[in-house]
Amino acid sequence: MPSADPIAEWEQVAQQQKQTGADQIDQMAKAVHGAADHLANEMPETAELVHAAASQLERGAGALRERGVRDLMAGFNELGRKDPLTLLGGAMLAGFAVSRFFKSSTDSSR
């Protein structure tokens, strides 16, 4: 039986996915902070930058939790129009970070 309001259903699913994504970003930020801690003795300046990046991830996770789905979509669309290279670079960086996170998760489970 079809739903009476498919848009409301889509928004509910998107809200759940948004929460899951924010939780995963928080986990990634913890992993990045851990990597920065390992770098601190040998490369303190680099460790500071990595900690700053992890803090940005934490702020991003918080913003993801606070903003509505429609607001997020509008923000991505606006960024894509105004600065597509930043959006592409951010997507590439996120992909790299996620792959490193999954690689470290598999390595630690062995």
PDB file of N, CA and C in Angstrom:
ATOM      1  N   MET A   1       0.849  -1.184   0.000  1.00  0.00           N
ATOM      2  CA  MET A   1       0.000   0.000   0.000  1.00  0.00           C
ATOM      3  C   MET A   1       0.887   1.237   0.000  1.00  0.00           C
ATOM      4  N   PRO A   2       0.700   2.145  -0.976  1.00  0.00           N
ATOM      5  CA  PRO A   2       1.537   3.338  -1.057  1.00  0.00           C
ATOM      6  C   PRO A   2       1.289   4.278   0.126  1.00  0.00           C
ATOM      7  N   SER A   3       2.358   4.962   0.494  1.00  0.00           N
ATOM      8  CA  SER A   3       2.286   5.910   1.598  1.00  0.00           C
ATOM      9  C   SER A   3       1.490   7.143   1.192  1.00  0.00           C
ATOM     10  N   ALA A   4       0.847   7.751   2.176  1.00  0.00           N
ATOM     11  CA  ALA A   4       0.066   8.949   1.917  1.00  0.00           C
ATOM     12  C   ALA A   4       0.970  10.137   1.602  1.00  0.00           C
ATOM     13  N   ASP A   5       2.163  10.153   2.170  1.00  0.00           N
ATOM     14  CA  ASP A   5       3.069  11.280   1.957  1.00  0.00           C
ATOM     15  C   ASP A   5       4.489  10.774   1.712  1.00  0.00           C
ATOM     16  N   PRO A   6       4.819  10.488   0.449  1.00  0.00           N
ATOM     17  CA  PRO A   6       6.152   9.956   0.150  1.00  0.00           C
ATOM     18  C   PRO A   6       7.272  10.940   0.476  1.00  0.00           C
ATOM     19  N   ILE A   7       7.013  12.222   0.399  1.00  0.00           N
ATOM     20  CA  ILE A   7       8.038  13.216   0.727  1.00  0.00           C
ATOM     21  C   ILE A   7       8.379  13.148   2.218  1.00  0.00           C
ATOM     22  N   ALA A   8       7.363  13.004   3.046  1.00  0.00           N
ATOM     23  CA  ALA A   8       7.610  12.889   4.489  1.00  0.00           C
ATOM     24  C   ALA A   8       8.394  11.611   4.797  1.00  0.00           C
ATOM     25  N   GLU A   9       8.070  10.532   4.102  1.00  0.00           N
ATOM     26  CA  GLU A   9       8.824   9.283   4.291  1.00  0.00           C
ATOM     27  C   GLU A   9      10.273   9.466   3.882  1.00  0.00           C
ATOM     28  N   TRP A  10      10.499  10.110   2.733  1.00  0.00           N
ATOM     29  CA  TRP A  10      11.862  10.351   2.253  1.00  0.00           C
ATOM     30  C   TRP A  10      12.625  11.201   3.260  1.00  0.00           C
ATOM     31  N   GLU A  11      11.991  12.222   3.799  1.00  0.00           N
ATOM     32  CA  GLU A  11      12.660  13.084   4.772  1.00  0.00           C
ATOM     33  C   GLU A  11      12.994  12.328   6.052  1.00  0.00           C
ATOM     34  N   GLN A  12      12.125  11.403   6.467  1.00  0.00           N
ATOM     35  CA  GLN A  12      12.399  10.615   7.662  1.00  0.00           C
ATOM     36  C   GLN A  12      13.601   9.702   7.427  1.00  0.00           C
ATOM     37  N   VAL A  13      13.649   9.043   6.275  1.00  0.00           N
ATOM     38  CA  VAL A  13      14.784   8.177   5.949  1.00  0.00           C
ATOM     39  C   VAL A  13      16.060   9.017   5.846  1.00  0.00           C
ATOM     40  N   ALA A  14      15.962  10.162   5.188  1.00  0.00           N
ATOM     41  CA  ALA A  14      17.126  11.041   5.048  1.00  0.00           C
ATOM     42  C   ALA A  14      17.608  11.526   6.408  1.00  0.00           C
ATOM     43  N   GLN A  15      16.683  11.814   7.316  1.00  0.00           N
ATOM     44  CA  GLN A  15      17.055  12.255   8.664  1.00  0.00           C
ATOM     45  C   GLN A  15      17.812  11.149   9.400  1.00  0.00           C
ATOM     46  N   GLN A  16      17.357   9.910   9.264  1.00  0.00           N
ATOM     47  CA  GLN A  16      18.048   8.786   9.891  1.00  0.00           C
ATOM     48  C   GLN A  16      19.448   8.612   9.302  1.00  0.00           C
ATOM     49  N   GLN A  17      19.552   8.719   7.987  1.00  0.00           N
ATOM     50  CA  GLN A  17      20.850   8.590   7.327  1.00  0.00           C
ATOM     51  C   GLN A  17      21.775   9.733   7.730  1.00  0.00           C
ATOM     52  N   LYS A  18      21.202  10.903   7.898  1.00  0.00           N
ATOM     53  CA  LYS A  18      21.984  12.074   8.318  1.00  0.00           C
ATOM     54  C   LYS A  18      22.578  11.836   9.705  1.00  0.00           C
ATOM     55  N   GLN A  19      21.794  11.281  10.612  1.00  0.00           N
ATOM     56  CA  GLN A  19      22.274  10.977  11.962  1.00  0.00           C
ATOM     57  C   GLN A  19      23.373   9.919  11.913  1.00  0.00           C
ATOM     58  N   THR A  20      23.171   8.890  11.106  1.00  0.00           N
ATOM     59  CA  THR A  20      24.182   7.841  10.956  1.00  0.00           C
ATOM     60  C   THR A  20      25.469   8.428  10.381  1.00  0.00           C
ATOM     61  N   GLY A  21      25.331   9.292   9.387  1.00  0.00           N
ATOM     62  CA  GLY A  21      26.503   9.939   8.794  1.00  0.00           C
ATOM     63  C   GLY A  21      27.248  10.797   9.812  1.00  0.00           C
ATOM     64  N   ALA A  22      26.507  11.536  10.628  1.00  0.00           N
ATOM     65  CA  ALA A  22      27.140  12.380  11.648  1.00  0.00           C
ATOM     66  C   ALA A  22      27.889  11.514  12.658  1.00  0.00           C
ATOM     67  N   ASP A  23      27.305  10.379  13.036  1.00  0.00           N
ATOM     68  CA  ASP A  23      27.988   9.471  13.965  1.00  0.00           C
ATOM     69  C   ASP A  23      29.279   8.928  13.346  1.00  0.00           C
ATOM     70  N   GLN A  24      29.224   8.585  12.066  1.00  0.00           N
ATOM     71  CA  GLN A  24      30.417   8.071  11.390  1.00  0.00           C
ATOM     72  C   GLN A  24      31.489   9.149  11.263  1.00  0.00           C
ATOM     73  N   ILE A  25      31.080  10.374  11.022  1.00  0.00           N
ATOM     74  CA  ILE A  25      32.037  11.479  10.941  1.00  0.00           C
ATOM     75  C   ILE A  25      32.709  11.681  12.298  1.00  0.00           C
ATOM     76  N   ASP A  26      31.931  11.569  13.368  1.00  0.00           N
ATOM     77  CA  ASP A  26      32.521  11.674  14.709  1.00  0.00           C
ATOM     78  C   ASP A  26      33.561  10.579  14.940  1.00  0.00           C
ATOM     79  N   GLN A  27      33.257   9.360  14.522  1.00  0.00           N
ATOM     80  CA  GLN A  27      34.212   8.260  14.651  1.00  0.00           C
ATOM     81  C   GLN A  27      35.474   8.534  13.830  1.00  0.00           C
ATOM     82  N   MET A  28      35.283   9.072  12.638  1.00  0.00           N
ATOM     83  CA  MET A  28      36.422   9.411  11.787  1.00  0.00           C
ATOM     84  C   MET A  28      37.268  10.493  12.447  1.00  0.00           C
ATOM     85  N   ALA A  29      36.614  11.479  13.049  1.00  0.00           N
ATOM     86  CA  ALA A  29      37.349  12.553  13.727  1.00  0.00           C
ATOM     87  C   ALA A  29      38.193  11.993  14.868  1.00  0.00           C
ATOM     88  N   LYS A  30      37.641  11.028  15.597  1.00  0.00           N
ATOM     89  CA  LYS A  30      38.408  10.399  16.679  1.00  0.00           C
ATOM     90  C   LYS A  30      39.638   9.691  16.110  1.00  0.00           C
ATOM     91  N   ALA A  31      39.450   8.998  14.982  1.00  0.00           N
ATOM     92  CA  ALA A  31      40.585   8.302  14.359  1.00  0.00           C
ATOM     93  C   ALA A  31      41.634   9.295  13.884  1.00  0.00           C
ATOM     94  N   VAL A  32      41.195  10.426  13.341  1.00  0.00           N
ATOM     95  CA  VAL A  32      42.130  11.447  12.862  1.00  0.00           C
ATOM     96  C   VAL A  32      42.871  12.068  14.044  1.00  0.00           C
ATOM     97  N   HIS A  33      42.170  12.317  15.144  1.00  0.00           N
ATOM     98  CA  HIS A  33      42.849  12.820  16.350  1.00  0.00           C
ATOM     99  C   HIS A  33      43.896  11.814  16.818  1.00  0.00           C
ATOM    100  N   GLY A  34      43.558  10.529  16.776  1.00  0.00           N
ATOM    101  CA  GLY A  34      44.510   9.492  17.157  1.00  0.00           C
ATOM    102  C   GLY A  34      45.743   9.501  16.269  1.00  0.00           C
ATOM    103  N   ALA A  35      45.533   9.669  14.966  1.00  0.00           N
ATOM    104  CA  ALA A  35      46.671   9.740  14.042  1.00  0.00           C
ATOM    105  C   ALA A  35      47.531  10.959  14.353  1.00  0.00           C
ATOM    106  N   ALA A  36      46.897  12.065  14.685  1.00  0.00           N
ATOM    107  CA  ALA A  36      47.647  13.280  15.032  1.00  0.00           C
ATOM    108  C   ALA A  36      48.460  13.064  16.302  1.00  0.00           C
ATOM    109  N   ASP A  37      47.893  12.338  17.250  1.00  0.00           N
ATOM    110  CA  ASP A  37      48.632  12.044  18.486  1.00  0.00           C
ATOM    111  C   ASP A  37      49.899  11.244  18.179  1.00  0.00           C
ATOM    112  N   HIS A  38      49.809  10.314  17.233  1.00  0.00           N
ATOM    113  CA  HIS A  38      50.983   9.516  16.851  1.00  0.00           C
ATOM    114  C   HIS A  38      52.046  10.377  16.165  1.00  0.00           C
ATOM    115  N   LEU A  39      51.603  11.409  15.463  1.00  0.00           N
ATOM    116  CA  LEU A  39      52.539  12.290  14.751  1.00  0.00           C
ATOM    117  C   LEU A  39      53.190  13.331  15.668  1.00  0.00           C
ATOM    118  N   ALA A  40      52.602  13.571  16.808  1.00  0.00           N
ATOM    119  CA  ALA A  40      52.987  14.710  17.651  1.00  0.00           C
ATOM    120  C   ALA A  40      54.468  14.749  18.014  1.00  0.00           C
ATOM    121  N   ASN A  41      55.063  13.621  18.314  1.00  0.00           N
ATOM    122  CA  ASN A  41      56.473  13.622  18.722  1.00  0.00           C
ATOM    123  C   ASN A  41      57.416  13.923  17.566  1.00  0.00           C
ATOM    124  N   GLU A  42      57.129  13.352  16.406  1.00  0.00           N
ATOM    125  CA  GLU A  42      58.043  13.502  15.271  1.00  0.00           C
ATOM    126  C   GLU A  42      57.767  14.746  14.427  1.00  0.00           C
ATOM    127  N   MET A  43      56.493  15.093  14.286  1.00  0.00           N
ATOM    128  CA  MET A  43      56.122  16.236  13.441  1.00  0.00           C
ATOM    129  C   MET A  43      55.031  17.053  14.138  1.00  0.00           C
ATOM    130  N   PRO A  44      55.399  17.852  15.130  1.00  0.00           N
ATOM    131  CA  PRO A  44      54.385  18.563  15.919  1.00  0.00           C
ATOM    132  C   PRO A  44      53.534  19.548  15.108  1.00  0.00           C
ATOM    133  N   GLU A  45      54.133  20.213  14.120  1.00  0.00           N
ATOM    134  CA  GLU A  45      53.356  21.174  13.313  1.00  0.00           C
ATOM    135  C   GLU A  45      52.310  20.444  12.481  1.00  0.00           C
ATOM    136  N   THR A  46      52.716  19.325  11.913  1.00  0.00           N
ATOM    137  CA  THR A  46      51.778  18.527  11.121  1.00  0.00           C
ATOM    138  C   THR A  46      50.674  17.987  12.014  1.00  0.00           C
ATOM    139  N   ALA A  47      51.037  17.546  13.202  1.00  0.00           N
ATOM    140  CA  ALA A  47      50.040  17.026  14.147  1.00  0.00           C
ATOM    141  C   ALA A  47      49.002  18.099  14.486  1.00  0.00           C
ATOM    142  N   GLU A  48      49.464  19.344  14.637  1.00  0.00           N
ATOM    143  CA  GLU A  48      48.530  20.440  14.906  1.00  0.00           C
ATOM    144  C   GLU A  48      47.531  20.606  13.773  1.00  0.00           C
ATOM    145  N   LEU A  49      48.031  20.555  12.535  1.00  0.00           N
ATOM    146  CA  LEU A  49      47.142  20.682  11.378  1.00  0.00           C
ATOM    147  C   LEU A  49      46.153  19.524  11.307  1.00  0.00           C
ATOM    148  N   VAL A  50      46.624  18.330  11.617  1.00  0.00           N
ATOM    149  CA  VAL A  50      45.749  17.157  11.580  1.00  0.00           C
ATOM    150  C   VAL A  50      44.694  17.260  12.680  1.00  0.00           C
ATOM    151  N   HIS A  51      45.088  17.734  13.864  1.00  0.00           N
ATOM    152  CA  HIS A  51      44.097  17.966  14.933  1.00  0.00           C
ATOM    153  C   HIS A  51      43.071  19.010  14.495  1.00  0.00           C
ATOM    154  N   ALA A  52      43.528  20.046  13.814  1.00  0.00           N
ATOM    155  CA  ALA A  52      42.599  21.076  13.333  1.00  0.00           C
ATOM    156  C   ALA A  52      41.610  20.486  12.332  1.00  0.00           C
ATOM    157  N   ALA A  53      42.101  19.615  11.454  1.00  0.00           N
ATOM    158  CA  ALA A  53      41.214  18.964  10.489  1.00  0.00           C
ATOM    159  C   ALA A  53      40.191  18.087  11.208  1.00  0.00           C
ATOM    160  N   ALA A  54      40.629  17.370  12.242  1.00  0.00           N
ATOM    161  CA  ALA A  54      39.713  16.532  13.014  1.00  0.00           C
ATOM    162  C   ALA A  54      38.661  17.385  13.718  1.00  0.00           C
ATOM    163  N   SER A  55      39.074  18.538  14.201  1.00  0.00           N
ATOM    164  CA  SER A  55      38.119  19.445  14.844  1.00  0.00           C
ATOM    165  C   SER A  55      37.088  19.946  13.840  1.00  0.00           C
ATOM    166  N   GLN A  56      37.527  20.193  12.625  1.00  0.00           N
ATOM    167  CA  GLN A  56      36.592  20.591  11.564  1.00  0.00           C
ATOM    168  C   GLN A  56      35.589  19.472  11.302  1.00  0.00           C
ATOM    169  N   LEU A  57      36.066  18.236  11.295  1.00  0.00           N
ATOM    170  CA  LEU A  57      35.155  17.103  11.121  1.00  0.00           C
ATOM    171  C   LEU A  57      34.117  17.071  12.241  1.00  0.00           C
ATOM    172  N   GLU A  58      34.560  17.309  13.464  1.00  0.00           N
ATOM    173  CA  GLU A  58      33.623  17.317  14.599  1.00  0.00           C
ATOM    174  C   GLU A  58      32.593  18.430  14.449  1.00  0.00           C
ATOM    175  N   ARG A  59      33.047  19.608  14.023  1.00  0.00           N
ATOM    176  CA  ARG A  59      32.103  20.712  13.810  1.00  0.00           C
ATOM    177  C   ARG A  59      31.142  20.373  12.680  1.00  0.00           C
ATOM    178  N   GLY A  60      31.667  19.716  11.644  1.00  0.00           N
ATOM    179  CA  GLY A  60      30.810  19.315  10.530  1.00  0.00           C
ATOM    180  C   GLY A  60      29.758  18.306  10.961  1.00  0.00           C
ATOM    181  N   ALA A  61      30.130  17.374  11.810  1.00  0.00           N
ATOM    182  CA  ALA A  61      29.168  16.394  12.322  1.00  0.00           C
ATOM    183  C   ALA A  61      28.084  17.097  13.137  1.00  0.00           C
ATOM    184  N   GLY A  62      28.485  18.062  13.939  1.00  0.00           N
ATOM    185  CA  GLY A  62      27.512  18.819  14.717  1.00  0.00           C
ATOM    186  C   GLY A  62      26.556  19.598  13.825  1.00  0.00           C
ATOM    187  N   ALA A  63      27.093  20.228  12.802  1.00  0.00           N
ATOM    188  CA  ALA A  63      26.246  20.973  11.863  1.00  0.00           C
ATOM    189  C   ALA A  63      25.304  20.030  11.130  1.00  0.00           C
ATOM    190  N   LEU A  64      25.799  18.850  10.793  1.00  0.00           N
ATOM    191  CA  LEU A  64      24.966  17.863  10.104  1.00  0.00           C
ATOM    192  C   LEU A  64      23.789  17.463  10.985  1.00  0.00           C
ATOM    193  N   ARG A  65      24.031  17.311  12.274  1.00  0.00           N
ATOM    194  CA  ARG A  65      22.951  16.951  13.197  1.00  0.00           C
ATOM    195  C   ARG A  65      21.936  18.080  13.348  1.00  0.00           C
ATOM    196  N   GLU A  66      22.419  19.326  13.349  1.00  0.00           N
ATOM    197  CA  GLU A  66      21.554  20.465  13.639  1.00  0.00           C
ATOM    198  C   GLU A  66      20.725  20.937  12.442  1.00  0.00           C
ATOM    199  N   ARG A  67      21.259  20.785  11.248  1.00  0.00           N
ATOM    200  CA  ARG A  67      20.568  21.336  10.074  1.00  0.00           C
ATOM    201  C   ARG A  67      19.571  20.341   9.500  1.00  0.00           C
ATOM    202  N   GLY A  68      18.520  20.877   8.903  1.00  0.00           N
ATOM    203  CA  GLY A  68      17.517  20.043   8.263  1.00  0.00           C
ATOM    204  C   GLY A  68      18.015  19.516   6.917  1.00  0.00           C
ATOM    205  N   VAL A  69      17.364  18.466   6.447  1.00  0.00           N
ATOM    206  CA  VAL A  69      17.763  17.827   5.200  1.00  0.00           C
ATOM    207  C   VAL A  69      17.648  18.802   4.029  1.00  0.00           C
ATOM    208  N   ARG A  70      16.559  19.520   3.960  1.00  0.00           N
ATOM    209  CA  ARG A  70      16.371  20.468   2.850  1.00  0.00           C
ATOM    210  C   ARG A  70      17.416  21.588   2.894  1.00  0.00           C
ATOM    211  N   ASP A  71      17.734  22.032   4.095  1.00  0.00           N
ATOM    212  CA  ASP A  71      18.743  23.071   4.276  1.00  0.00           C
ATOM    213  C   ASP A  71      20.114  22.571   3.805  1.00  0.00           C
ATOM    214  N   LEU A  72      20.446  21.324   4.142  1.00  0.00           N
ATOM    215  CA  LEU A  72      21.717  20.741   3.705  1.00  0.00           C
ATOM    216  C   LEU A  72      21.785  20.627   2.190  1.00  0.00           C
ATOM    217  N   MET A  73      20.708  20.167   1.585  1.00  0.00           N
ATOM    218  CA  MET A  73      20.687  20.029   0.124  1.00  0.00           C
ATOM    219  C   MET A  73      20.854  21.395  -0.549  1.00  0.00           C
ATOM    220  N   ALA A  74      20.202  22.397  -0.013  1.00  0.00           N
ATOM    221  CA  ALA A  74      20.337  23.741  -0.573  1.00  0.00           C
ATOM    222  C   ALA A  74      21.769  24.243  -0.437  1.00  0.00           C
ATOM    223  N   GLY A  75      22.401  23.955   0.695  1.00  0.00           N
ATOM    224  CA  GLY A  75      23.794  24.371   0.912  1.00  0.00           C
ATOM    225  C   GLY A  75      24.751  23.691  -0.058  1.00  0.00           C
ATOM    226  N   PHE A  76      24.568  22.387  -0.281  1.00  0.00           N
ATOM    227  CA  PHE A  76      25.431  21.679  -1.237  1.00  0.00           C
ATOM    228  C   PHE A  76      25.227  22.205  -2.652  1.00  0.00           C
ATOM    229  N   ASN A  77      23.976  22.460  -3.005  1.00  0.00           N
ATOM    230  CA  ASN A  77      23.705  23.000  -4.345  1.00  0.00           C
ATOM    231  C   ASN A  77      24.360  24.366  -4.528  1.00  0.00           C
ATOM    232  N   GLU A  78      24.257  25.205  -3.511  1.00  0.00           N
ATOM    233  CA  GLU A  78      24.856  26.536  -3.585  1.00  0.00           C
ATOM    234  C   GLU A  78      26.377  26.454  -3.693  1.00  0.00           C
ATOM    235  N   LEU A  79      26.989  25.583  -2.884  1.00  0.00           N
ATOM    236  CA  LEU A  79      28.438  25.413  -2.945  1.00  0.00           C
ATOM    237  C   LEU A  79      28.861  24.887  -4.315  1.00  0.00           C
ATOM    238  N   GLY A  80      28.106  23.952  -4.848  1.00  0.00           N
ATOM    239  CA  GLY A  80      28.412  23.407  -6.170  1.00  0.00           C
ATOM    240  C   GLY A  80      28.359  24.467  -7.266  1.00  0.00           C
ATOM    241  N   ARG A  81      27.439  25.393  -7.145  1.00  0.00           N
ATOM    242  CA  ARG A  81      27.350  26.473  -8.135  1.00  0.00           C
ATOM    243  C   ARG A  81      28.440  27.516  -7.943  1.00  0.00           C
ATOM    244  N   LYS A  82      28.698  27.894  -6.692  1.00  0.00           N
ATOM    245  CA  LYS A  82      29.664  28.952  -6.417  1.00  0.00           C
ATOM    246  C   LYS A  82      31.108  28.488  -6.537  1.00  0.00           C
ATOM    247  N   ASP A  83      31.403  27.293  -6.044  1.00  0.00           N
ATOM    248  CA  ASP A  83      32.788  26.826  -6.010  1.00  0.00           C
ATOM    249  C   ASP A  83      32.846  25.309  -6.211  1.00  0.00           C
ATOM    250  N   PRO A  84      32.657  24.864  -7.444  1.00  0.00           N
ATOM    251  CA  PRO A  84      32.612  23.420  -7.690  1.00  0.00           C
ATOM    252  C   PRO A  84      33.925  22.707  -7.361  1.00  0.00           C
ATOM    253  N   LEU A  85      35.059  23.392  -7.477  1.00  0.00           N
ATOM    254  CA  LEU A  85      36.333  22.744  -7.159  1.00  0.00           C
ATOM    255  C   LEU A  85      36.454  22.438  -5.664  1.00  0.00           C
ATOM    256  N   THR A  86      35.929  23.320  -4.841  1.00  0.00           N
ATOM    257  CA  THR A  86      35.936  23.071  -3.405  1.00  0.00           C
ATOM    258  C   THR A  86      35.067  21.861  -3.073  1.00  0.00           C
ATOM    259  N   LEU A  87      33.918  21.783  -3.711  1.00  0.00           N
ATOM    260  CA  LEU A  87      33.032  20.646  -3.486  1.00  0.00           C
ATOM    261  C   LEU A  87      33.702  19.349  -3.935  1.00  0.00           C
ATOM    262  N   LEU A  88      34.336  19.375  -5.086  1.00  0.00           N
ATOM    263  CA  LEU A  88      35.038  18.194  -5.592  1.00  0.00           C
ATOM    264  C   LEU A  88      36.204  17.820  -4.679  1.00  0.00           C
ATOM    265  N   GLY A  89      36.985  18.810  -4.271  1.00  0.00           N
ATOM    266  CA  GLY A  89      38.111  18.557  -3.367  1.00  0.00           C
ATOM    267  C   GLY A  89      37.645  17.999  -2.030  1.00  0.00           C
ATOM    268  N   GLY A  90      36.564  18.536  -1.510  1.00  0.00           N
ATOM    269  CA  GLY A  90      36.014  18.036  -0.254  1.00  0.00           C
ATOM    270  C   GLY A  90      35.534  16.597  -0.383  1.00  0.00           C
ATOM    271  N   ALA A  91      34.911  16.288  -1.513  1.00  0.00           N
ATOM    272  CA  ALA A  91      34.456  14.912  -1.742  1.00  0.00           C
ATOM    273  C   ALA A  91      35.641  13.958  -1.840  1.00  0.00           C
ATOM    274  N   MET A  92      36.707  14.395  -2.511  1.00  0.00           N
ATOM    275  CA  MET A  92      37.898  13.546  -2.627  1.00  0.00           C
ATOM    276  C   MET A  92      38.545  13.343  -1.256  1.00  0.00           C
ATOM    277  N   LEU A  93      38.653  14.409  -0.486  1.00  0.00           N
ATOM    278  CA  LEU A  93      39.234  14.318   0.858  1.00  0.00           C
ATOM    279  C   LEU A  93      38.395  13.410   1.748  1.00  0.00           C
ATOM    280  N   ALA A  94      37.088  13.552   1.670  1.00  0.00           N
ATOM    281  CA  ALA A  94      36.206  12.696   2.465  1.00  0.00           C
ATOM    282  C   ALA A  94      36.360  11.233   2.051  1.00  0.00           C
ATOM    283  N   GLY A  95      36.467  10.985   0.757  1.00  0.00           N
ATOM    284  CA  GLY A  95      36.666   9.615   0.289  1.00  0.00           C
ATOM    285  C   GLY A  95      37.966   9.027   0.795  1.00  0.00           C
ATOM    286  N   PHE A  96      39.019   9.818   0.755  1.00  0.00           N
ATOM    287  CA  PHE A  96      40.315   9.358   1.257  1.00  0.00           C
ATOM    288  C   PHE A  96      40.235   9.067   2.753  1.00  0.00           C
ATOM    289  N   ALA A  97      39.614   9.974   3.499  1.00  0.00           N
ATOM    290  CA  ALA A  97      39.510   9.799   4.948  1.00  0.00           C
ATOM    291  C   ALA A  97      38.682   8.561   5.291  1.00  0.00           C
ATOM    292  N   VAL A  98      37.591   8.348   4.575  1.00  0.00           N
ATOM    293  CA  VAL A  98      36.750   7.181   4.835  1.00  0.00           C
ATOM    294  C   VAL A  98      37.518   5.900   4.528  1.00  0.00           C
ATOM    295  N   SER A  99      38.264   5.892   3.426  1.00  0.00           N
ATOM    296  CA  SER A  99      39.025   4.683   3.081  1.00  0.00           C
ATOM    297  C   SER A  99      40.094   4.405   4.131  1.00  0.00           C
ATOM    298  N   ARG A 100      40.754   5.436   4.622  1.00  0.00           N
ATOM    299  CA  ARG A 100      41.761   5.248   5.677  1.00  0.00           C
ATOM    300  C   ARG A 100      41.099   4.756   6.971  1.00  0.00           C
ATOM    301  N   PHE A 101      39.923   5.297   7.266  1.00  0.00           N
ATOM    302  CA  PHE A 101      39.204   4.877   8.463  1.00  0.00           C
ATOM    303  C   PHE A 101      38.846   3.392   8.374  1.00  0.00           C
ATOM    304  N   PHE A 102      38.316   2.966   7.227  1.00  0.00           N
ATOM    305  CA  PHE A 102      37.952   1.565   7.064  1.00  0.00           C
ATOM    306  C   PHE A 102      39.183   0.669   7.068  1.00  0.00           C
ATOM    307  N   LYS A 103      40.277   1.144   6.470  1.00  0.00           N
ATOM    308  CA  LYS A 103      41.507   0.352   6.460  1.00  0.00           C
ATOM    309  C   LYS A 103      42.024   0.173   7.885  1.00  0.00           C
ATOM    310  N   SER A 104      42.000   1.235   8.677  1.00  0.00           N
ATOM    311  CA  SER A 104      42.482   1.124  10.049  1.00  0.00           C
ATOM    312  C   SER A 104      41.544   0.254  10.887  1.00  0.00           C
ATOM    313  N   SER A 105      40.255   0.279  10.588  1.00  0.00           N
ATOM    314  CA  SER A 105      39.307  -0.575  11.304  1.00  0.00           C
ATOM    315  C   SER A 105      39.565  -2.038  11.011  1.00  0.00           C
ATOM    316  N   THR A 106      39.854  -2.370   9.754  1.00  0.00           N
ATOM    317  CA  THR A 106      40.120  -3.768   9.406  1.00  0.00           C
ATOM    318  C   THR A 106      41.448  -4.220   9.981  1.00  0.00           C
ATOM    319  N   ASP A 107      42.450  -3.351   9.970  1.00  0.00           N
ATOM    320  CA  ASP A 107      43.752  -3.700  10.516  1.00  0.00           C
ATOM    321  C   ASP A 107      43.670  -3.975  12.022  1.00  0.00           C
ATOM    322  N   SER A 108      42.888  -3.180  12.730  1.00  0.00           N
ATOM    323  CA  SER A 108      42.801  -3.348  14.180  1.00  0.00           C
ATOM    324  C   SER A 108      41.974  -4.559  14.578  1.00  0.00           C
ATOM    325  N   SER A 109      41.097  -5.045  13.665  1.00  0.00           N
ATOM    326  CA  SER A 109      40.282  -6.196  14.001  1.00  0.00           C
ATOM    327  C   SER A 109      41.021  -7.510  13.791  1.00  0.00           C
ATOM    328  N   ARG A 110      42.199  -7.479  13.201  1.00  0.00           N
ATOM    329  CA  ARG A 110      42.975  -8.705  12.947  1.00  0.00           C
ATOM    330  C   ARG A 110      43.681  -9.183  14.153  1.00  0.00           C
TER     331      ARG A 110
END
